[in-house]
C-alpha atoms as a PDB file:
ATOM      1  CA  UNK A   1     -26.476 -26.119 -11.902  1.00  0.00           C
ATOM      2  CA  UNK A   2     -25.516 -22.693 -12.405  1.00  0.00           C
ATOM      3  CA  UNK A   3     -22.887 -20.485 -10.452  1.00  0.00           C
ATOM      4  CA  UNK A   4     -24.732 -17.923  -8.432  1.00  0.00           C
ATOM      5  CA  UNK A   5     -21.958 -15.347  -9.379  1.00  0.00           C
ATOM      6  CA  UNK A   6     -21.194 -15.402 -12.916  1.00  0.00           C
ATOM      7  CA  UNK A   7     -24.291 -17.522 -14.349  1.00  0.00           C
ATOM      8  CA  UNK A   8     -21.745 -20.126 -15.602  1.00  0.00           C
ATOM      9  CA  UNK A   9     -23.337 -23.761 -16.116  1.00  0.00           C
ATOM     10  CA  UNK A  10     -20.972 -26.013 -13.591  1.00  0.00           C
ATOM     11  CA  UNK A  11     -21.199 -29.798 -12.805  1.00  0.00           C
ATOM     12  CA  UNK A  12     -23.432 -30.511  -9.978  1.00  0.00           C
ATOM     13  CA  UNK A  13     -20.604 -32.010  -8.116  1.00  0.00           C
ATOM     14  CA  UNK A  14     -18.176 -29.070  -8.655  1.00  0.00           C
ATOM     15  CA  UNK A  15     -17.005 -27.446  -5.531  1.00  0.00           C
ATOM     16  CA  UNK A  16     -16.005 -24.101  -7.226  1.00  0.00           C
ATOM     17  CA  UNK A  17     -16.911 -22.663 -10.571  1.00  0.00           C
ATOM     18  CA  UNK A  18     -14.268 -23.206 -13.134  1.00  0.00           C
ATOM     19  CA  UNK A  19     -14.830 -19.605 -14.792  1.00  0.00           C
ATOM     20  CA  UNK A  20     -14.890 -17.382 -11.599  1.00  0.00           C
ATOM     21  CA  UNK A  21     -13.701 -19.509  -8.734  1.00  0.00           C
ATOM     22  CA  UNK A  22     -16.818 -18.801  -6.652  1.00  0.00           C
ATOM     23  CA  UNK A  23     -17.601 -21.548  -4.272  1.00  0.00           C
ATOM     24  CA  UNK A  24     -20.795 -23.505  -5.469  1.00  0.00           C
ATOM     25  CA  UNK A  25     -21.689 -24.661  -1.954  1.00  0.00           C
ATOM     26  CA  UNK A  26     -22.986 -22.801   1.077  1.00  0.00           C
ATOM     27  CA  UNK A  27     -20.134 -23.680   3.316  1.00  0.00           C
ATOM     28  CA  UNK A  28     -17.397 -21.780   1.571  1.00  0.00           C
ATOM     29  CA  UNK A  29     -15.134 -18.637   2.413  1.00  0.00           C
ATOM     30  CA  UNK A  30     -16.857 -16.223   0.440  1.00  0.00           C
ATOM     31  CA  UNK A  31     -18.573 -14.721   3.533  1.00  0.00           C
ATOM     32  CA  UNK A  32     -15.171 -13.448   4.678  1.00  0.00           C
ATOM     33  CA  UNK A  33     -13.917 -12.552   1.391  1.00  0.00           C
ATOM     34  CA  UNK A  34     -14.437  -8.912   1.323  1.00  0.00           C
ATOM     35  CA  UNK A  35     -12.440  -5.964   1.024  1.00  0.00           C
ATOM     36  CA  UNK A  36     -10.939  -5.001   4.307  1.00  0.00           C
ATOM     37  CA  UNK A  37     -10.275  -1.159   5.150  1.00  0.00           C
ATOM     38  CA  UNK A  38      -7.591  -2.010   7.609  1.00  0.00           C
ATOM     39  CA  UNK A  39      -5.602  -4.406   5.146  1.00  0.00           C
ATOM     40  CA  UNK A  40      -6.219  -1.474   2.435  1.00  0.00           C
ATOM     41  CA  UNK A  41      -4.468   1.171   4.532  1.00  0.00           C
ATOM     42  CA  UNK A  42      -1.704  -0.975   5.624  1.00  0.00           C
ATOM     43  CA  UNK A  43      -1.008  -1.843   1.695  1.00  0.00           C
ATOM     44  CA  UNK A  44      -1.285   1.848   1.170  1.00  0.00           C
ATOM     45  CA  UNK A  45       1.412   2.943   3.504  1.00  0.00           C
ATOM     46  CA  UNK A  46       3.564  -0.295   3.457  1.00  0.00           C
ATOM     47  CA  UNK A  47       3.302  -1.314  -0.365  1.00  0.00           C
ATOM     48  CA  UNK A  48       5.692  -4.310   0.063  1.00  0.00           C
ATOM     49  CA  UNK A  49       3.619  -5.829   2.718  1.00  0.00           C
ATOM     50  CA  UNK A  50       0.383  -5.039   0.476  1.00  0.00           C
ATOM     51  CA  UNK A  51       2.135  -7.075  -2.639  1.00  0.00           C
ATOM     52  CA  UNK A  52       3.242  -9.880  -0.178  1.00  0.00           C
ATOM     53  CA  UNK A  53      -0.568 -10.105   1.196  1.00  0.00           C
ATOM     54  CA  UNK A  54      -1.741  -9.672  -2.518  1.00  0.00           C
ATOM     55  CA  UNK A  55       0.465 -12.515  -3.696  1.00  0.00           C
ATOM     56  CA  UNK A  56      -0.485 -14.886  -0.632  1.00  0.00           C
ATOM     57  CA  UNK A  57      -4.530 -14.207  -0.834  1.00  0.00           C
ATOM     58  CA  UNK A  58      -4.987 -13.907  -4.405  1.00  0.00           C
ATOM     59  CA  UNK A  59      -6.326 -17.346  -5.109  1.00  0.00           C
ATOM     60  CA  UNK A  60      -8.130 -18.083  -1.543  1.00  0.00           C
ATOM     61  CA  UNK A  61      -9.532 -14.215  -0.864  1.00  0.00           C
ATOM     62  CA  UNK A  62      -9.582 -12.702  -4.393  1.00  0.00           C
ATOM     63  CA  UNK A  63     -11.487  -9.940  -3.508  1.00  0.00           C
ATOM     64  CA  UNK A  64      -9.483  -9.108  -0.230  1.00  0.00           C
ATOM     65  CA  UNK A  65      -6.368  -9.308  -2.570  1.00  0.00           C
ATOM     66  CA  UNK A  66      -7.717  -7.023  -5.230  1.00  0.00           C
ATOM     67  CA  UNK A  67      -8.101  -4.138  -2.886  1.00  0.00           C
ATOM     68  CA  UNK A  68      -4.670  -4.447  -1.230  1.00  0.00           C
ATOM     69  CA  UNK A  69      -3.010  -4.737  -4.779  1.00  0.00           C
ATOM     70  CA  UNK A  70      -4.889  -1.567  -5.656  1.00  0.00           C
ATOM     71  CA  UNK A  71      -4.089   0.367  -2.641  1.00  0.00           C
ATOM     72  CA  UNK A  72      -0.565  -0.466  -2.850  1.00  0.00           C
ATOM     73  CA  UNK A  73      -0.096   0.217  -6.419  1.00  0.00           C
ATOM     74  CA  UNK A  74      -1.819   3.546  -6.077  1.00  0.00           C
ATOM     75  CA  UNK A  75       0.864   3.995  -3.008  1.00  0.00           C
ATOM     76  CA  UNK A  76       3.725   3.423  -5.284  1.00  0.00           C
ATOM     77  CA  UNK A  77       2.366   5.656  -8.226  1.00  0.00           C
ATOM     78  CA  UNK A  78       1.623   8.694  -5.677  1.00  0.00           C
ATOM     79  CA  UNK A  79       5.192   8.023  -4.274  1.00  0.00           C
ATOM     80  CA  UNK A  80       6.708   8.451  -7.972  1.00  0.00           C
ATOM     81  CA  UNK A  81       4.773  11.110  -8.798  1.00  0.00           C
ATOM     82  CA  UNK A  82       5.894  13.158  -5.523  1.00  0.00           C
ATOM     83  CA  UNK A  83       9.508  12.189  -6.089  1.00  0.00           C
ATOM     84  CA  UNK A  84       9.775  13.473  -9.705  1.00  0.00           C
ATOM     85  CA  UNK A  85       7.858  16.892  -8.816  1.00  0.00           C
ATOM     86  CA  UNK A  86      10.499  17.012  -5.746  1.00  0.00           C
ATOM     87  CA  UNK A  87      13.391  16.435  -7.800  1.00  0.00           C
ATOM     88  CA  UNK A  88      12.208  18.982 -10.639  1.00  0.00           C
ATOM     89  CA  UNK A  89      11.869  21.476  -8.154  1.00  0.00           C
ATOM     90  CA  UNK A  90      15.352  21.124  -6.816  1.00  0.00           C
ATOM     91  CA  UNK A  91      16.516  20.915 -10.168  1.00  0.00           C
ATOM     92  CA  UNK A  92      15.099  24.118 -11.017  1.00  0.00           C
ATOM     93  CA  UNK A  93      16.110  25.744  -7.773  1.00  0.00           C
ATOM     94  CA  UNK A  94      19.592  24.644  -7.909  1.00  0.00           C
ATOM     95  CA  UNK A  95      19.599  25.841 -11.809  1.00  0.00           C
ATOM     96  CA  UNK A  96      18.546  28.978 -10.546  1.00  0.00           C
ATOM     97  CA  UNK A  97      21.266  29.443  -8.186  1.00  0.00           C
ATOM     98  CA  UNK A  98      24.035  28.336 -10.375  1.00  0.00           C
ATOM     99  CA  UNK A  99      22.514  30.513 -13.495  1.00  0.00           C
ATOM    100  CA  UNK A 100      22.974  33.423 -11.069  1.00  0.00           C
ATOM    101  CA  UNK A 101      26.789  33.062 -10.797  1.00  0.00           C
ATOM    102  CA  UNK A 102      27.610  32.748 -14.508  1.00  0.00           C
ATOM    103  CA  UNK A 103      27.592  36.096 -16.295  1.00  0.00           C
END
C-alpha cells in the first residue's frame, strides 16, 4: 500500500505513514486538521499562546500547528522591528536635543 499524501510505501497494517505521519485509513483526524484563521489571529496577537498551542498540537494537528507557529513568529519579528525603529527614533531625537545644548 502507498501513502495518499507522500506516495511512500507503507505496510498494509500501518495506521500512519512513517515518513509524513499522515493517517492511512479513512477514519482519521486529517479532515479537521487544516489551518484555522481564528487560531492564526490568536497566535498573531498573543504569540505566547500561539507557541503553547503549536507545542501542544504539532503532532496531532500538524497543519494547524504550523499556521499558528508561523503567525506567532511573524508577530514576534514585527514587534522586534517596531521596537528597534522606535528606540532608534527616540535615540536620534534625544541625541539631537542633547547636541543642541553643547557648544
